[in-house]
Protein backbone atom coordinates (compact mmCIF):
# COMPACT_ATOMS: atom_id res chain seq x y z
CA MET A 1 10.38 -51.39 -10.44
CA GLN A 2 11.33 -48.39 -11.29
CA SER A 3 13.21 -47.57 -14.16
CA ASN A 4 15.29 -44.05 -15.26
CA SER A 5 15.14 -42.52 -18.93
CA SER A 6 17.35 -45.89 -20.75
CA LEU A 7 14.33 -46.44 -23.30
CA GLU A 8 15.87 -44.39 -25.78
CA ARG A 9 18.69 -41.75 -25.48
CA GLN A 10 18.72 -38.66 -27.59
CA PRO A 11 21.12 -38.50 -31.18
CA GLN A 12 24.06 -36.62 -30.20
CA LEU A 13 24.28 -33.44 -31.62
CA THR A 14 27.20 -31.70 -33.12
CA GLU A 15 27.15 -28.21 -31.82
CA GLU A 16 28.66 -26.50 -28.59
CA ALA A 17 26.81 -25.53 -26.17
CA LYS A 18 26.09 -21.84 -26.45
CA SER A 19 25.73 -19.09 -23.05
CA PHE A 20 23.10 -16.81 -22.71
CA PRO A 21 22.17 -13.88 -20.34
CA LEU A 22 19.62 -14.62 -17.42
CA SER A 23 15.90 -12.31 -17.42
CA TYR A 24 15.71 -10.76 -14.11
CA GLY A 25 13.51 -13.04 -12.46
CA GLN A 26 16.19 -15.50 -13.16
CA GLN A 27 18.67 -13.74 -11.69
CA ALA A 28 16.76 -13.76 -8.69
CA MET A 29 16.61 -17.54 -8.63
CA TRP A 30 20.30 -17.62 -8.97
CA PHE A 31 20.82 -15.39 -5.99
CA LEU A 32 18.21 -17.37 -3.90
CA ASP A 33 20.07 -20.81 -4.45
CA GLN A 34 23.04 -19.20 -4.04
CA ILE A 35 22.14 -18.43 -0.38
CA ALA A 36 20.30 -21.45 0.09
CA PRO A 37 21.43 -24.43 -2.39
CA GLN A 38 19.22 -27.26 -0.19
CA SER A 39 16.03 -24.50 -0.54
CA ILE A 40 12.63 -26.31 -2.06
CA ALA A 41 10.59 -22.75 -1.80
CA TYR A 42 11.38 -22.83 -5.64
CA ASN A 43 10.77 -26.46 -6.33
CA ILE A 44 7.47 -26.35 -8.79
CA TYR A 45 5.46 -29.40 -9.95
CA THR A 46 1.92 -30.48 -10.72
CA THR A 47 0.43 -33.96 -10.86
CA VAL A 48 -2.06 -35.41 -13.44
CA GLN A 49 -4.00 -39.30 -13.30
CA ILE A 50 -3.60 -40.45 -16.96
CA SER A 51 -6.67 -43.42 -17.15
CA SER A 52 -6.00 -45.05 -20.41
CA GLU A 53 -3.61 -47.53 -21.32
CA LEU A 54 0.16 -46.51 -21.87
CA ASP A 55 2.29 -47.39 -24.62
CA LEU A 56 5.66 -46.33 -22.52
CA GLU A 57 8.26 -46.52 -25.78
CA ALA A 58 5.49 -43.91 -26.98
CA TRP A 59 5.24 -42.44 -23.92
CA HIS A 60 9.22 -42.13 -23.39
CA ARG A 61 9.40 -40.44 -26.88
CA ALA A 62 7.25 -37.58 -26.78
CA TRP A 63 8.91 -36.13 -23.76
CA LEU A 64 12.38 -36.67 -25.53
CA GLN A 65 10.66 -34.47 -28.61
CA ILE A 66 9.42 -31.97 -25.50
CA VAL A 67 12.73 -31.37 -24.05
CA GLU A 68 14.49 -31.43 -27.85
CA ARG A 69 11.69 -28.29 -28.84
CA HIS A 70 12.36 -26.45 -25.66
CA PRO A 71 15.67 -25.28 -25.22
CA ILE A 72 15.28 -24.44 -21.46
CA LEU A 73 14.85 -27.86 -20.79
CA ARG A 74 18.33 -28.75 -21.60
CA THR A 75 19.81 -25.47 -19.69
CA THR A 76 22.38 -25.04 -16.88
CA TYR A 77 23.06 -22.30 -14.78
CA THR A 78 26.34 -21.11 -13.66
CA GLN A 79 28.86 -17.90 -13.25
CA HIS A 80 31.20 -16.00 -15.75
CA GLU A 81 33.11 -12.66 -14.64
CA ASP A 82 30.91 -12.92 -11.74
CA GLN A 83 27.87 -12.69 -13.64
CA PRO A 84 25.40 -15.86 -13.66
CA ILE A 85 24.63 -17.00 -16.97
CA GLN A 86 22.84 -20.02 -18.61
CA VAL A 87 23.86 -22.67 -20.56
CA ILE A 88 21.96 -24.25 -23.19
CA HIS A 89 22.91 -27.63 -24.17
CA PRO A 90 22.45 -29.64 -27.37
CA TYR A 91 22.02 -32.74 -25.47
CA GLN A 92 20.66 -33.74 -21.84
CA GLU A 93 20.09 -36.69 -20.22
CA ILE A 94 16.53 -36.23 -18.90
CA ASP A 95 15.14 -37.35 -15.87
CA ILE A 96 12.91 -39.72 -16.64
CA LYS A 97 11.66 -42.22 -14.17
CA ILE A 98 8.36 -45.49 -13.95
CA THR A 99 7.93 -47.29 -11.06
CA ASP A 100 5.68 -49.59 -10.24
CA ALA A 101 3.14 -48.92 -7.71
CA SER A 102 0.40 -50.92 -8.07
CA ALA A 103 0.88 -52.29 -4.69
CA TRP A 104 0.75 -49.25 -3.18
CA ASN A 105 -2.21 -47.47 -1.27
CA LEU A 106 -3.07 -44.08 -2.26
CA ASP A 107 -1.56 -42.54 1.00
CA TYR A 108 1.62 -44.04 0.31
CA LEU A 109 1.24 -42.98 -3.13
CA LYS A 110 0.68 -39.27 -2.24
CA LYS A 111 3.39 -39.10 0.42
CA GLN A 112 6.21 -40.93 -2.55
CA ILE A 113 5.14 -38.24 -4.84
CA LEU A 114 5.42 -35.19 -2.45
CA THR A 115 9.03 -36.62 -1.04
CA GLU A 116 10.19 -36.58 -5.13
CA THR A 117 8.86 -33.19 -5.32
CA GLU A 118 10.92 -32.17 -2.18
CA ARG A 119 14.46 -32.89 -4.10
CA PRO A 120 16.76 -30.06 -4.60
CA TYR A 121 17.95 -29.45 -7.69
CA ASN A 122 21.85 -28.84 -8.50
CA LEU A 123 21.40 -26.10 -11.47
CA GLU A 124 24.67 -26.05 -12.20
CA THR A 125 24.66 -29.82 -13.84
CA GLY A 126 20.97 -30.34 -14.21
CA PRO A 127 18.59 -31.23 -15.07
CA VAL A 128 15.87 -28.65 -14.45
CA LEU A 129 13.31 -31.11 -15.37
CA ARG A 130 12.12 -33.96 -13.54
CA VAL A 131 9.17 -36.82 -15.09
CA HIS A 132 8.45 -39.50 -12.47
CA LEU A 133 5.48 -41.91 -14.00
CA PHE A 134 3.44 -43.88 -11.40
CA THR A 135 1.58 -46.84 -12.56
CA ARG A 136 -0.98 -48.18 -10.35
CA SER A 137 -2.65 -50.72 -12.86
CA SER A 138 -2.30 -50.76 -16.47
CA GLU A 139 -5.24 -48.23 -17.10
CA GLU A 140 -4.39 -45.59 -14.05
CA HIS A 141 -1.09 -43.62 -13.70
CA ILE A 142 -0.02 -41.05 -12.01
CA GLN A 143 2.50 -38.52 -14.25
CA LEU A 144 4.79 -36.12 -11.74
CA LEU A 145 5.90 -33.58 -13.54
CA ALA A 146 8.47 -31.13 -11.18
CA MET A 147 10.86 -28.40 -12.05
CA HIS A 148 13.15 -25.77 -10.49
CA HIS A 149 11.09 -22.40 -10.82
CA ILE A 150 14.23 -21.30 -12.67
CA ALA A 151 13.52 -22.89 -15.52
CA GLY A 152 9.62 -22.91 -15.85
CA ASP A 153 6.28 -21.40 -14.50
CA MET A 154 2.81 -23.09 -13.77
CA TRP A 155 1.91 -21.92 -17.77
CA SER A 156 5.09 -24.11 -18.79
CA PHE A 157 3.22 -27.21 -17.03
CA ASP A 158 0.20 -26.25 -19.16
CA ILE A 159 2.64 -25.59 -22.85
CA LEU A 160 4.60 -29.08 -21.34
CA LEU A 161 0.89 -31.28 -20.70
CA ASN A 162 -0.64 -30.21 -23.87
CA GLU A 163 2.38 -31.27 -26.31
CA LEU A 164 2.62 -34.54 -24.86
CA GLN A 165 -1.13 -35.19 -25.37
CA ILE A 166 -0.03 -34.23 -29.12
CA LEU A 167 3.44 -35.85 -29.53
CA TYR A 168 2.49 -38.74 -27.79
CA ALA A 169 -0.70 -39.88 -30.10
CA THR A 170 1.72 -39.02 -33.16
CA GLU A 171 3.60 -41.69 -31.95
CA VAL A 172 1.28 -44.66 -30.80
CA LYS A 173 1.88 -46.80 -33.99
CA THR A 174 -1.81 -48.19 -33.50
CA SER A 175 -3.41 -44.70 -33.29
CA SER A 176 -6.62 -44.74 -35.58
CA GLN A 177 -7.59 -42.19 -38.41
CA ALA A 178 -10.24 -40.63 -36.01
CA ASP A 179 -7.37 -39.76 -33.31
CA LEU A 180 -5.38 -38.71 -36.10
CA GLN A 181 -8.41 -36.20 -37.13
CA ILE A 182 -9.13 -35.29 -33.88
CA ILE A 183 -6.22 -33.68 -33.48
CA GLU A 184 -5.36 -31.86 -36.75
CA ASN A 185 -9.13 -30.35 -35.04
CA SER A 186 -7.59 -29.61 -32.20
CA ASP A 187 -7.02 -26.01 -31.37
CA ILE A 188 -3.81 -26.27 -29.09
CA TYR A 189 -1.48 -23.51 -30.18
CA ASN A 190 -3.16 -24.06 -33.76
CA SER A 191 0.33 -24.37 -34.32
CA GLN A 192 0.37 -27.95 -35.49
CA THR A 193 1.53 -29.25 -38.97
CA ASP A 194 0.59 -32.97 -40.33
CA ASN A 195 -0.27 -34.36 -36.78
CA SER A 196 2.90 -32.84 -35.23
CA LEU A 197 3.62 -29.53 -33.71
CA SER A 198 5.88 -27.71 -35.41
CA LEU A 199 8.91 -25.59 -33.48
CA PRO A 200 8.40 -22.53 -31.80
CA LYS A 201 9.11 -19.62 -33.18
CA LEU A 202 10.77 -18.09 -30.64
CA SER A 203 13.06 -19.40 -27.54
CA TYR A 204 13.12 -17.80 -23.42
CA THR A 205 16.38 -16.34 -25.06
CA ASP A 206 14.52 -14.17 -26.88
CA TYR A 207 12.29 -12.78 -24.13
CA VAL A 208 15.17 -11.82 -22.21
CA SER A 209 16.50 -9.98 -25.36
CA TRP A 210 13.26 -8.35 -25.33
CA GLN A 211 12.73 -7.85 -21.79
CA THR A 212 16.24 -5.86 -21.67
CA GLU A 213 15.45 -3.78 -24.56
CA MET A 214 11.73 -2.97 -23.49
CA LEU A 215 13.54 -2.07 -20.39
CA SER A 216 15.74 0.79 -21.91
CA SER A 217 13.04 2.44 -23.94
CA SER A 218 10.54 4.89 -23.07
CA GLN A 219 7.97 1.88 -22.07
CA GLY A 220 10.23 0.89 -19.66
CA GLU A 221 11.05 4.31 -18.33
CA GLN A 222 7.04 4.98 -18.15
CA ILE A 223 6.60 1.46 -16.35
CA SER A 224 8.88 2.16 -13.83
CA ALA A 225 7.81 5.82 -13.32
CA TYR A 226 4.03 4.45 -12.71
CA TRP A 227 5.46 2.14 -9.93
CA HIS A 228 7.49 4.02 -7.89
CA LYS A 229 4.72 6.24 -7.86
CA GLN A 230 2.47 3.57 -6.82
CA LEU A 231 4.98 2.45 -4.20
CA ILE A 232 6.40 5.47 -2.52
CA GLY A 233 7.36 6.47 1.01
CA GLU A 234 7.40 3.80 3.38
CA LEU A 235 5.91 1.02 2.85
CA PRO A 236 3.39 -0.67 5.21
CA VAL A 237 4.92 -4.43 6.35
CA LEU A 238 2.40 -6.73 7.14
CA ASP A 239 2.04 -7.89 10.87
CA LEU A 240 0.06 -11.23 11.30
CA PRO A 241 -0.90 -12.31 14.66
CA VAL A 242 1.57 -16.03 14.64
CA ASP A 243 2.07 -17.87 17.36
CA LYS A 244 5.47 -18.57 17.29
CA LEU A 245 8.92 -15.89 17.11
CA ARG A 246 10.04 -14.98 13.34
CA PRO A 247 13.46 -16.32 12.49
CA ASN A 248 16.27 -13.62 12.06
CA VAL A 249 16.64 -15.72 8.23
CA GLN A 250 13.91 -16.86 6.56
CA THR A 251 13.47 -20.33 6.59
CA TYR A 252 11.06 -20.99 3.67
CA SER A 253 9.58 -23.53 5.38
CA GLY A 254 5.38 -24.13 5.27
CA SER A 255 3.26 -26.67 4.52
CA THR A 256 0.49 -26.71 2.03
CA HIS A 257 -3.60 -27.49 2.45
CA ILE A 258 -6.17 -27.87 0.12
CA ILE A 259 -9.50 -26.78 0.83
CA LYS A 260 -12.31 -27.74 -1.96
CA LEU A 261 -14.83 -24.47 -1.84
CA ASP A 262 -18.67 -25.96 -1.93
CA GLU A 263 -21.09 -25.49 -5.03
CA GLU A 264 -23.09 -23.66 -3.07
CA LEU A 265 -20.65 -20.47 -2.33
CA LEU A 266 -19.34 -20.43 -5.73
CA SER A 267 -23.12 -20.35 -7.13
CA ARG A 268 -23.45 -16.94 -4.92
CA LEU A 269 -20.01 -16.08 -5.79
CA ARG A 270 -20.69 -16.43 -9.40
CA LYS A 271 -24.12 -13.99 -9.18
CA LEU A 272 -22.13 -11.68 -6.70
CA SER A 273 -19.31 -11.28 -10.37
CA GLU A 274 -22.54 -11.03 -12.76
CA LEU A 275 -24.28 -8.40 -10.25
CA GLU A 276 -20.74 -6.04 -10.23
CA LYS A 277 -19.78 -6.27 -13.99
CA THR A 278 -16.00 -7.79 -12.26
CA SER A 279 -14.43 -10.87 -12.13
CA LEU A 280 -14.16 -13.62 -9.66
CA TYR A 281 -10.51 -12.77 -9.36
CA ARG A 282 -11.22 -9.46 -8.43
CA ILE A 283 -13.60 -10.84 -5.63
CA PHE A 284 -11.17 -13.54 -4.33
CA LEU A 285 -8.81 -10.87 -4.26
CA ALA A 286 -10.95 -8.19 -2.11
CA ALA A 287 -11.73 -10.50 0.48
CA PHE A 288 -8.10 -11.46 0.57
CA PHE A 289 -7.61 -8.04 1.51
CA ILE A 290 -10.38 -7.57 3.91
CA LEU A 291 -8.83 -10.84 5.45
CA PHE A 292 -5.67 -9.08 6.69
CA TYR A 293 -7.34 -6.25 7.66
CA ARG A 294 -9.38 -8.01 10.00
CA LEU A 295 -5.95 -10.13 11.31
CA SER A 296 -3.85 -7.09 11.62
CA GLY A 297 -5.52 -4.03 12.16
CA GLN A 298 -3.38 -2.21 9.10
CA GLU A 299 -5.24 -0.03 6.80
CA ASP A 300 -2.67 0.24 4.08
CA ILE A 301 -1.87 -2.82 2.69
CA LEU A 302 0.20 -5.19 -0.19
CA VAL A 303 -0.44 -8.25 -1.66
CA GLY A 304 1.63 -9.74 -4.72
CA CYS A 305 -0.58 -11.63 -7.23
CA PRO A 306 1.92 -13.07 -9.87
CA VAL A 307 0.91 -12.66 -13.56
CA ALA A 308 1.52 -14.78 -16.62
CA GLY A 309 4.42 -11.88 -17.70
CA ARG A 310 4.33 -12.99 -21.23
CA SER A 311 3.44 -9.43 -22.55
CA GLY A 312 0.40 -10.51 -24.90
CA ASN A 313 2.76 -11.66 -27.59
CA LYS A 314 1.47 -14.75 -28.70
CA GLU A 315 4.96 -16.11 -29.90
CA PHE A 316 5.79 -15.71 -26.26
CA GLU A 317 2.17 -17.91 -25.03
CA SER A 318 4.03 -21.10 -26.58
CA ILE A 319 7.85 -21.26 -24.69
CA VAL A 320 8.28 -22.52 -21.69
CA GLY A 321 10.19 -20.67 -19.33
CA TYR A 322 9.81 -18.32 -16.08
CA PHE A 323 8.06 -15.38 -17.50
CA THR A 324 5.48 -15.15 -14.62
CA ASP A 325 6.28 -12.23 -11.93
CA PRO A 326 4.00 -10.70 -8.95
CA VAL A 327 2.75 -6.99 -9.70
CA VAL A 328 2.59 -5.47 -5.81
CA LEU A 329 -1.06 -4.05 -5.60
CA ARG A 330 -1.59 -1.58 -2.58
CA ALA A 331 -5.27 -1.10 -1.38
CA ASN A 332 -6.56 0.99 1.42
CA LEU A 333 -9.20 -0.46 3.72
CA GLY A 334 -9.27 3.04 5.01
CA GLU A 335 -12.26 5.32 6.39
CA ASN A 336 -14.43 1.90 6.34
CA PRO A 337 -15.45 1.18 2.90
CA THR A 338 -18.25 -0.67 2.28
CA PHE A 339 -17.31 -3.48 -0.08
CA ARG A 340 -18.67 -2.95 -3.10
CA ASP A 341 -17.02 0.33 -3.06
CA PHE A 342 -13.66 -1.40 -2.01
CA LEU A 343 -14.51 -3.74 -4.50
CA ALA A 344 -14.27 -1.30 -7.02
CA GLN A 345 -11.41 0.03 -6.21
CA ILE A 346 -9.81 -3.61 -6.23
CA ARG A 347 -10.95 -3.42 -9.64
CA ARG A 348 -9.19 -0.20 -10.41
CA THR A 349 -6.05 -1.48 -9.02
CA VAL A 350 -6.19 -4.82 -11.03
CA SER A 351 -6.63 -3.25 -14.07
CA GLU A 352 -3.87 -0.43 -13.64
CA GLY A 353 -1.48 -3.05 -12.54
CA LYS A 354 -2.03 -5.36 -15.28
CA LYS A 355 -1.55 -2.49 -17.85
CA HIS A 356 2.38 -1.94 -16.21
CA GLU A 357 3.09 -5.68 -15.18
CA ASP A 358 6.25 -6.15 -17.70
CA TYR A 359 8.02 -4.42 -15.09
CA PRO A 360 10.74 -7.27 -13.50
CA PHE A 361 9.82 -7.64 -9.88
CA PRO A 362 13.44 -8.24 -8.50
CA LEU A 363 14.29 -5.11 -10.23
CA LEU A 364 12.16 -2.80 -8.60
CA VAL A 365 12.92 -4.68 -5.24
CA LYS A 366 16.58 -3.56 -5.69
CA GLN A 367 15.37 -0.10 -6.28
CA LEU A 368 12.77 0.67 -3.56
CA ILE A 369 14.67 -1.63 -1.08
CA PRO A 370 18.22 -1.37 -1.27
CA GLU A 371 18.93 -2.55 2.22
CA ARG A 372 16.97 -6.02 2.51
CA ASP A 373 14.86 -7.72 5.82
CA SER A 374 16.53 -11.18 5.74
CA SER A 375 13.43 -12.07 7.98
CA ARG A 376 10.45 -11.29 5.68
CA SER A 377 9.95 -11.53 1.69
CA PRO A 378 11.03 -7.92 -0.08
CA LEU A 379 7.70 -5.68 -0.58
CA PHE A 380 4.68 -7.85 0.19
CA GLN A 381 4.75 -10.65 2.54
CA VAL A 382 1.47 -12.84 1.36
CA SER A 383 0.29 -13.56 -2.20
CA LEU A 384 -2.33 -14.59 -4.24
CA THR A 385 -2.70 -16.79 -7.55
CA TRP A 386 -4.66 -17.53 -9.89
CA GLN A 387 -4.04 -20.68 -11.77
CA GLU A 388 -6.34 -22.77 -14.61
CA HIS A 389 -5.32 -26.16 -15.97
CA ARG A 390 -5.74 -25.05 -19.79
CA TRP A 391 -4.75 -28.47 -21.03
CA TYR A 392 -7.42 -30.06 -19.43
CA ASP A 393 -9.96 -28.19 -21.90
CA ASN A 394 -8.12 -30.47 -24.41
CA SER A 395 -7.58 -33.58 -22.73
CA GLN A 396 -10.83 -34.78 -23.86
CA LYS A 397 -9.32 -34.66 -27.90
CA SER A 398 -6.60 -36.59 -27.32
CA SER A 399 -6.26 -40.71 -26.91
CA LEU A 400 -4.30 -39.74 -23.80
CA VAL A 401 -6.87 -39.74 -21.01
CA MET A 402 -5.34 -37.16 -18.21
CA SER A 403 -7.73 -35.75 -15.47
CA PRO A 404 -5.92 -33.23 -12.87
CA PHE A 405 -4.60 -35.14 -9.32
CA LEU A 406 -4.67 -32.86 -6.46
CA ILE A 407 -2.62 -33.90 -3.45
CA GLU A 408 -3.55 -32.37 0.17
CA GLY A 409 -0.53 -33.40 1.99
CA HIS A 410 2.04 -30.79 2.78
CA GLN A 411 5.14 -28.99 1.33
CA ARG A 412 8.20 -27.70 3.45
CA GLY A 413 8.42 -25.27 1.09
CA SER A 414 7.08 -21.56 1.04
CA ALA A 415 8.49 -17.97 -0.03
CA PHE A 416 5.58 -15.84 1.76
CA ASP A 417 3.86 -15.93 4.92
CA ILE A 418 0.88 -17.01 3.22
CA ASP A 419 0.25 -17.83 -0.43
CA LEU A 420 -3.13 -18.42 -1.32
CA ALA A 421 -3.67 -20.26 -4.54
CA ILE A 422 -6.72 -20.39 -6.29
CA ILE A 423 -7.30 -23.56 -8.74
CA LYS A 424 -9.74 -23.68 -11.35
CA LEU A 425 -9.66 -27.28 -12.71
CA ASN A 426 -12.20 -26.83 -15.51
CA GLY A 427 -15.82 -25.32 -16.27
């Protein structure tokens, strides 16, 4: 059994659609989509398990509210006078599906989820968000959230799941007073009033305006000067030993493998973190650089590290959109440093990079590499991402019982030679 988004329609609004310019990150996504419209390299998704009775009508209404709250989920992309623009619609049909998966085994379920994540998006028609619920029993459901990267990032998924927990509870007519009190006391964004969420004060287009103004200011000039100094001269290209010839044009094909770190190793790493007064992230990053030094023999190495990109602005933290941006971190392993000395170098490099993270990566590429190598990603070929499921910290406070549902399988889309994602589930 499968049903689409016909449970309830949003009311048709009378406002006309409005168009706005794109952020630099969105411009890059649009450009890549024009080159390879069937590519799935920038399809992003997350899956969660819902372990509770689910009121499907309330669940569906909650998603309708979420789409109404965030204009970027009602946005399509096109060109006007040879410039890409985003068009915000007052209403857009939502791609919501409910599938009866009660007769499926776990392997087949995971295969179907991955197949769903690999459907290309049409940015000109939308929608850019897909919600698919796979129901295994009355108290077990797997919820897939998928979107094109032009409309969001992993932080955005946290926002959507947090809001779903709150809005679902308000929609359930049988919610107990105790549940409502829990919601009132929840610290999720601290923005709800009378058991509901107030609308975000800003939208993604406000961020686009902020970015434009910042880049034309003295702050933008200072950040630009920093990165041009860091990446001056001939940039190293990481030459990894591979078993196949590199194609002349990047295909974005790849696969995903999941490895769970054992508790003993994590305990030792935490002790090292305390001893060196640094974060686990910096320790993993240092090890990442050393790995590629050993594989390639190169001493000067570039690694891309995505950052949240929300500029420490609290009002940006509750907005769905494509904020994340990679910073290019450069490390040198010449003169055979000890691990402790190299870790200190990484600590300084990360701190400086975060201070200057607001410079758009696509703009930096355009300025530093006017002639692109179509066989590789620009500036860096390997990436390290640190992810946390912030929504999970609040999941115990909601009547909607959710937990992460990781899929060990293959995803064909990959933007880099190697992209290591370290995911902190909880705790």
